[in-house]
Amino acid sequence: MIVYLLTVAQKNQLLGVEYIADCTYNPLEYANGNWIISQKEVEQTNDEKFAWVKDLLQIEYVKPKDNAS
């Protein structure tokens, strides 16, 4: 699954912002304190103020290992 990498500042810019009507960005904390948003969020962004999300670095999502013993 492809996701898009955010800085903390970019994550803060997106919190509470709708990318389409009734759908808000939902940045998730990823490995090493990084933040990501989904491919769907990026693809459906239609507000020119947030068009920069389409230029974010794409990475392959790797599910964190379960540390339960």
PDB file of N, CA and C in Angstrom:
ATOM      1  N   MET A   1       0.855  -1.165   0.000  1.00  0.00           N
ATOM      2  CA  MET A   1       0.000   0.000   0.000  1.00  0.00           C
ATOM      3  C   MET A   1       0.909   1.239   0.000  1.00  0.00           C
ATOM      4  N   ILE A   2       0.591   2.189  -0.858  1.00  0.00           N
ATOM      5  CA  ILE A   2       1.339   3.436  -0.962  1.00  0.00           C
ATOM      6  C   ILE A   2       0.741   4.455   0.010  1.00  0.00           C
ATOM      7  N   VAL A   3       1.614   5.139   0.740  1.00  0.00           N
ATOM      8  CA  VAL A   3       1.226   6.238   1.623  1.00  0.00           C
ATOM      9  C   VAL A   3       2.162   7.406   1.330  1.00  0.00           C
ATOM     10  N   TYR A   4       1.861   8.556   1.910  1.00  0.00           N
ATOM     11  CA  TYR A   4       2.617   9.772   1.641  1.00  0.00           C
ATOM     12  C   TYR A   4       3.189  10.315   2.937  1.00  0.00           C
ATOM     13  N   LEU A   5       4.476  10.610   2.921  1.00  0.00           N
ATOM     14  CA  LEU A   5       5.225  11.015   4.091  1.00  0.00           C
ATOM     15  C   LEU A   5       5.068  12.513   4.359  1.00  0.00           C
ATOM     16  N   LEU A   6       4.794  12.846   5.621  1.00  0.00           N
ATOM     17  CA  LEU A   6       4.623  14.237   6.064  1.00  0.00           C
ATOM     18  C   LEU A   6       5.680  14.607   7.094  1.00  0.00           C
ATOM     19  N   THR A   7       5.997  15.901   7.140  1.00  0.00           N
ATOM     20  CA  THR A   7       6.762  16.426   8.269  1.00  0.00           C
ATOM     21  C   THR A   7       5.759  16.730   9.375  1.00  0.00           C
ATOM     22  N   VAL A   8       6.246  17.013  10.564  1.00  0.00           N
ATOM     23  CA  VAL A   8       5.359  17.382  11.669  1.00  0.00           C
ATOM     24  C   VAL A   8       4.612  18.672  11.318  1.00  0.00           C
ATOM     25  N   ALA A   9       5.301  19.636  10.712  1.00  0.00           N
ATOM     26  CA  ALA A   9       4.662  20.904  10.332  1.00  0.00           C
ATOM     27  C   ALA A   9       3.548  20.669   9.316  1.00  0.00           C
ATOM     28  N   GLN A  10       3.786  19.806   8.330  1.00  0.00           N
ATOM     29  CA  GLN A  10       2.757  19.493   7.331  1.00  0.00           C
ATOM     30  C   GLN A  10       1.578  18.780   7.987  1.00  0.00           C
ATOM     31  N   LYS A  11       1.882  17.862   8.885  1.00  0.00           N
ATOM     32  CA  LYS A  11       0.808  17.156   9.616  1.00  0.00           C
ATOM     33  C   LYS A  11      -0.071  18.159  10.332  1.00  0.00           C
ATOM     34  N   ASN A  12       0.548  19.123  11.008  1.00  0.00           N
ATOM     35  CA  ASN A  12      -0.209  20.134  11.746  1.00  0.00           C
ATOM     36  C   ASN A  12      -1.064  20.995  10.833  1.00  0.00           C
ATOM     37  N   GLN A  13      -0.598  21.260   9.614  1.00  0.00           N
ATOM     38  CA  GLN A  13      -1.374  22.040   8.649  1.00  0.00           C
ATOM     39  C   GLN A  13      -2.635  21.303   8.209  1.00  0.00           C
ATOM     40  N   LEU A  14      -2.585  19.988   8.202  1.00  0.00           N
ATOM     41  CA  LEU A  14      -3.700  19.193   7.680  1.00  0.00           C
ATOM     42  C   LEU A  14      -4.738  18.799   8.726  1.00  0.00           C
ATOM     43  N   LEU A  15      -4.386  18.872   9.986  1.00  0.00           N
ATOM     44  CA  LEU A  15      -5.319  18.456  11.030  1.00  0.00           C
ATOM     45  C   LEU A  15      -6.620  19.243  10.961  1.00  0.00           C
ATOM     46  N   GLY A  16      -7.731  18.526  10.882  1.00  0.00           N
ATOM     47  CA  GLY A  16      -9.046  19.151  10.866  1.00  0.00           C
ATOM     48  C   GLY A  16      -9.467  19.738   9.540  1.00  0.00           C
ATOM     49  N   VAL A  17      -8.642  19.578   8.500  1.00  0.00           N
ATOM     50  CA  VAL A  17      -8.936  20.148   7.186  1.00  0.00           C
ATOM     51  C   VAL A  17      -9.641  19.101   6.326  1.00  0.00           C
ATOM     52  N   GLU A  18     -10.701  19.514   5.630  1.00  0.00           N
ATOM     53  CA  GLU A  18     -11.405  18.618   4.713  1.00  0.00           C
ATOM     54  C   GLU A  18     -10.676  18.556   3.381  1.00  0.00           C
ATOM     55  N   TYR A  19     -10.448  17.347   2.871  1.00  0.00           N
ATOM     56  CA  TYR A  19      -9.878  17.215   1.525  1.00  0.00           C
ATOM     57  C   TYR A  19     -10.978  17.108   0.490  1.00  0.00           C
ATOM     58  N   ILE A  20     -12.151  16.635   0.885  1.00  0.00           N
ATOM     59  CA  ILE A  20     -13.404  16.720   0.136  1.00  0.00           C
ATOM     60  C   ILE A  20     -14.503  16.914   1.176  1.00  0.00           C
ATOM     61  N   ALA A  21     -15.682  17.233   0.726  1.00  0.00           N
ATOM     62  CA  ALA A  21     -16.783  17.490   1.659  1.00  0.00           C
ATOM     63  C   ALA A  21     -16.972  16.320   2.621  1.00  0.00           C
ATOM     64  N   ASP A  22     -17.009  16.638   3.906  1.00  0.00           N
ATOM     65  CA  ASP A  22     -17.265  15.686   4.982  1.00  0.00           C
ATOM     66  C   ASP A  22     -16.164  14.640   5.200  1.00  0.00           C
ATOM     67  N   CYS A  23     -14.982  14.853   4.626  1.00  0.00           N
ATOM     68  CA  CYS A  23     -13.845  13.950   4.834  1.00  0.00           C
ATOM     69  C   CYS A  23     -12.619  14.784   5.183  1.00  0.00           C
ATOM     70  N   THR A  24     -12.084  14.553   6.390  1.00  0.00           N
ATOM     71  CA  THR A  24     -10.912  15.314   6.817  1.00  0.00           C
ATOM     72  C   THR A  24      -9.655  14.458   6.746  1.00  0.00           C
ATOM     73  N   TYR A  25      -8.526  15.156   6.554  1.00  0.00           N
ATOM     74  CA  TYR A  25      -7.250  14.457   6.585  1.00  0.00           C
ATOM     75  C   TYR A  25      -7.092  13.798   7.945  1.00  0.00           C
ATOM     76  N   ASN A  26      -6.472  12.623   7.929  1.00  0.00           N
ATOM     77  CA  ASN A  26      -6.254  11.878   9.159  1.00  0.00           C
ATOM     78  C   ASN A  26      -4.804  11.396   9.205  1.00  0.00           C
ATOM     79  N   PRO A  27      -3.863  12.330   9.452  1.00  0.00           N
ATOM     80  CA  PRO A  27      -2.465  11.905   9.520  1.00  0.00           C
ATOM     81  C   PRO A  27      -2.259  10.880  10.619  1.00  0.00           C
ATOM     82  N   LEU A  28      -1.477   9.857  10.296  1.00  0.00           N
ATOM     83  CA  LEU A  28      -1.172   8.794  11.248  1.00  0.00           C
ATOM     84  C   LEU A  28       0.318   8.796  11.543  1.00  0.00           C
ATOM     85  N   GLU A  29       0.662   8.548  12.808  1.00  0.00           N
ATOM     86  CA  GLU A  29       2.069   8.457  13.155  1.00  0.00           C
ATOM     87  C   GLU A  29       2.611   7.130  12.651  1.00  0.00           C
ATOM     88  N   TYR A  30       3.740   7.219  12.004  1.00  0.00           N
ATOM     89  CA  TYR A  30       4.373   6.058  11.392  1.00  0.00           C
ATOM     90  C   TYR A  30       5.687   5.789  12.118  1.00  0.00           C
ATOM     91  N   ALA A  31       6.571   5.094  11.525  1.00  0.00           N
ATOM     92  CA  ALA A  31       7.853   4.739  12.139  1.00  0.00           C
ATOM     93  C   ALA A  31       8.727   5.964  12.406  1.00  0.00           C
ATOM     94  N   ASN A  32       9.492   5.890  13.471  1.00  0.00           N
ATOM     95  CA  ASN A  32      10.494   6.904  13.803  1.00  0.00           C
ATOM     96  C   ASN A  32       9.932   8.317  13.930  1.00  0.00           C
ATOM     97  N   GLY A  33       8.698   8.443  14.376  1.00  0.00           N
ATOM     98  CA  GLY A  33       8.105   9.758  14.572  1.00  0.00           C
ATOM     99  C   GLY A  33       7.649  10.432  13.294  1.00  0.00           C
ATOM    100  N   ASN A  34       7.668   9.723  12.186  1.00  0.00           N
ATOM    101  CA  ASN A  34       7.177  10.271  10.918  1.00  0.00           C
ATOM    102  C   ASN A  34       5.660  10.192  10.863  1.00  0.00           C
ATOM    103  N   TRP A  35       5.083  10.980   9.984  1.00  0.00           N
ATOM    104  CA  TRP A  35       3.632  11.014   9.802  1.00  0.00           C
ATOM    105  C   TRP A  35       3.301  10.707   8.361  1.00  0.00           C
ATOM    106  N   ILE A  36       2.140  10.091   8.144  1.00  0.00           N
ATOM    107  CA  ILE A  36       1.715   9.719   6.798  1.00  0.00           C
ATOM    108  C   ILE A  36       0.235  10.047   6.604  1.00  0.00           C
ATOM    109  N   ILE A  37      -0.141  10.178   5.328  1.00  0.00           N
ATOM    110  CA  ILE A  37      -1.554  10.218   4.952  1.00  0.00           C
ATOM    111  C   ILE A  37      -1.745   9.202   3.829  1.00  0.00           C
ATOM    112  N   SER A  38      -2.982   8.849   3.589  1.00  0.00           N
ATOM    113  CA  SER A  38      -3.290   7.795   2.626  1.00  0.00           C
ATOM    114  C   SER A  38      -3.271   8.297   1.183  1.00  0.00           C
ATOM    115  N   GLN A  39      -3.160   7.340   0.294  1.00  0.00           N
ATOM    116  CA  GLN A  39      -3.217   7.636  -1.135  1.00  0.00           C
ATOM    117  C   GLN A  39      -4.587   8.227  -1.487  1.00  0.00           C
ATOM    118  N   LYS A  40      -5.639   7.724  -0.878  1.00  0.00           N
ATOM    119  CA  LYS A  40      -6.990   8.240  -1.126  1.00  0.00           C
ATOM    120  C   LYS A  40      -7.079   9.726  -0.771  1.00  0.00           C
ATOM    121  N   GLU A  41      -6.521  10.106   0.381  1.00  0.00           N
ATOM    122  CA  GLU A  41      -6.554  11.506   0.796  1.00  0.00           C
ATOM    123  C   GLU A  41      -5.850  12.388  -0.231  1.00  0.00           C
ATOM    124  N   VAL A  42      -4.702  11.928  -0.700  1.00  0.00           N
ATOM    125  CA  VAL A  42      -3.944  12.715  -1.681  1.00  0.00           C
ATOM    126  C   VAL A  42      -4.705  12.791  -3.004  1.00  0.00           C
ATOM    127  N   GLU A  43      -5.158  11.659  -3.503  1.00  0.00           N
ATOM    128  CA  GLU A  43      -5.836  11.623  -4.799  1.00  0.00           C
ATOM    129  C   GLU A  43      -7.115  12.460  -4.823  1.00  0.00           C
ATOM    130  N   GLN A  44      -7.813  12.538  -3.690  1.00  0.00           N
ATOM    131  CA  GLN A  44      -9.081  13.255  -3.666  1.00  0.00           C
ATOM    132  C   GLN A  44      -8.957  14.714  -3.237  1.00  0.00           C
ATOM    133  N   THR A  45      -7.746  15.177  -2.965  1.00  0.00           N
ATOM    134  CA  THR A  45      -7.545  16.578  -2.604  1.00  0.00           C
ATOM    135  C   THR A  45      -7.891  17.448  -3.807  1.00  0.00           C
ATOM    136  N   ASN A  46      -8.809  18.393  -3.583  1.00  0.00           N
ATOM    137  CA  ASN A  46      -9.190  19.285  -4.675  1.00  0.00           C
ATOM    138  C   ASN A  46      -9.068  20.758  -4.300  1.00  0.00           C
ATOM    139  N   ASP A  47      -8.594  21.057  -3.110  1.00  0.00           N
ATOM    140  CA  ASP A  47      -8.389  22.436  -2.665  1.00  0.00           C
ATOM    141  C   ASP A  47      -6.987  22.863  -3.072  1.00  0.00           C
ATOM    142  N   GLU A  48      -6.891  23.911  -3.873  1.00  0.00           N
ATOM    143  CA  GLU A  48      -5.594  24.389  -4.360  1.00  0.00           C
ATOM    144  C   GLU A  48      -4.624  24.731  -3.231  1.00  0.00           C
ATOM    145  N   LYS A  49      -5.142  25.146  -2.071  1.00  0.00           N
ATOM    146  CA  LYS A  49      -4.268  25.486  -0.942  1.00  0.00           C
ATOM    147  C   LYS A  49      -3.507  24.269  -0.428  1.00  0.00           C
ATOM    148  N   PHE A  50      -4.023  23.090  -0.708  1.00  0.00           N
ATOM    149  CA  PHE A  50      -3.401  21.860  -0.232  1.00  0.00           C
ATOM    150  C   PHE A  50      -2.927  20.967  -1.372  1.00  0.00           C
ATOM    151  N   ALA A  51      -2.805  21.537  -2.566  1.00  0.00           N
ATOM    152  CA  ALA A  51      -2.331  20.777  -3.727  1.00  0.00           C
ATOM    153  C   ALA A  51      -0.917  20.242  -3.511  1.00  0.00           C
ATOM    154  N   TRP A  52      -0.174  20.853  -2.581  1.00  0.00           N
ATOM    155  CA  TRP A  52       1.189  20.401  -2.285  1.00  0.00           C
ATOM    156  C   TRP A  52       1.236  18.955  -1.805  1.00  0.00           C
ATOM    157  N   VAL A  53       0.129  18.419  -1.307  1.00  0.00           N
ATOM    158  CA  VAL A  53       0.155  17.021  -0.843  1.00  0.00           C
ATOM    159  C   VAL A  53       0.426  16.066  -2.003  1.00  0.00           C
ATOM    160  N   LYS A  54       0.099  16.487  -3.228  1.00  0.00           N
ATOM    161  CA  LYS A  54       0.329  15.634  -4.392  1.00  0.00           C
ATOM    162  C   LYS A  54       1.816  15.504  -4.716  1.00  0.00           C
ATOM    163  N   ASP A  55       2.645  16.377  -4.120  1.00  0.00           N
ATOM    164  CA  ASP A  55       4.091  16.332  -4.336  1.00  0.00           C
ATOM    165  C   ASP A  55       4.847  15.660  -3.191  1.00  0.00           C
ATOM    166  N   LEU A  56       4.134  15.134  -2.208  1.00  0.00           N
ATOM    167  CA  LEU A  56       4.783  14.468  -1.074  1.00  0.00           C
ATOM    168  C   LEU A  56       5.479  13.188  -1.527  1.00  0.00           C
ATOM    169  N   LEU A  57       6.471  12.800  -0.768  1.00  0.00           N
ATOM    170  CA  LEU A  57       7.198  11.570  -1.042  1.00  0.00           C
ATOM    171  C   LEU A  57       6.287  10.363  -0.829  1.00  0.00           C
ATOM    172  N   GLN A  58       6.224   9.497  -1.836  1.00  0.00           N
ATOM    173  CA  GLN A  58       5.454   8.257  -1.733  1.00  0.00           C
ATOM    174  C   GLN A  58       6.354   7.183  -1.137  1.00  0.00           C
ATOM    175  N   ILE A  59       5.804   6.439  -0.191  1.00  0.00           N
ATOM    176  CA  ILE A  59       6.539   5.312   0.370  1.00  0.00           C
ATOM    177  C   ILE A  59       5.598   4.114   0.467  1.00  0.00           C
ATOM    178  N   GLU A  60       6.174   2.956   0.547  1.00  0.00           N
ATOM    179  CA  GLU A  60       5.400   1.733   0.751  1.00  0.00           C
ATOM    180  C   GLU A  60       5.146   1.586   2.245  1.00  0.00           C
ATOM    181  N   TYR A  61       3.882   1.434   2.624  1.00  0.00           N
ATOM    182  CA  TYR A  61       3.535   1.249   4.029  1.00  0.00           C
ATOM    183  C   TYR A  61       3.983  -0.130   4.470  1.00  0.00           C
ATOM    184  N   VAL A  62       4.690  -0.163   5.575  1.00  0.00           N
ATOM    185  CA  VAL A  62       5.115  -1.429   6.176  1.00  0.00           C
ATOM    186  C   VAL A  62       4.467  -1.505   7.549  1.00  0.00           C
ATOM    187  N   LYS A  63       3.654  -2.519   7.736  1.00  0.00           N
ATOM    188  CA  LYS A  63       2.969  -2.691   9.018  1.00  0.00           C
ATOM    189  C   LYS A  63       4.001  -2.903  10.123  1.00  0.00           C
ATOM    190  N   PRO A  64       3.873  -2.130  11.222  1.00  0.00           N
ATOM    191  CA  PRO A  64       4.802  -2.324  12.336  1.00  0.00           C
ATOM    192  C   PRO A  64       4.703  -3.749  12.891  1.00  0.00           C
ATOM    193  N   LYS A  65       5.843  -4.268  13.309  1.00  0.00           N
ATOM    194  CA  LYS A  65       5.853  -5.617  13.892  1.00  0.00           C
ATOM    195  C   LYS A  65       5.153  -5.581  15.244  1.00  0.00           C
ATOM    196  N   ASP A  66       4.428  -6.636  15.533  1.00  0.00           N
ATOM    197  CA  ASP A  66       3.745  -6.780  16.819  1.00  0.00           C
ATOM    198  C   ASP A  66       4.785  -7.195  17.850  1.00  0.00           C
ATOM    199  N   ASN A  67       4.940  -6.383  18.896  1.00  0.00           N
ATOM    200  CA  ASN A  67       5.936  -6.674  19.927  1.00  0.00           C
ATOM    201  C   ASN A  67       5.396  -7.543  21.060  1.00  0.00           C
ATOM    202  N   ALA A  68       4.187  -8.042  20.905  1.00  0.00           N
ATOM    203  CA  ALA A  68       3.608  -8.889  21.970  1.00  0.00           C
ATOM    204  C   ALA A  68       4.361 -10.214  22.018  1.00  0.00           C
ATOM    205  N   SER A  69       4.638 -10.638  23.218  1.00  0.00           N
ATOM    206  CA  SER A  69       5.356 -11.918  23.388  1.00  0.00           C
ATOM    207  C   SER A  69       4.411 -13.033  23.727  1.00  0.00           C
TER     208      SER A  69
END
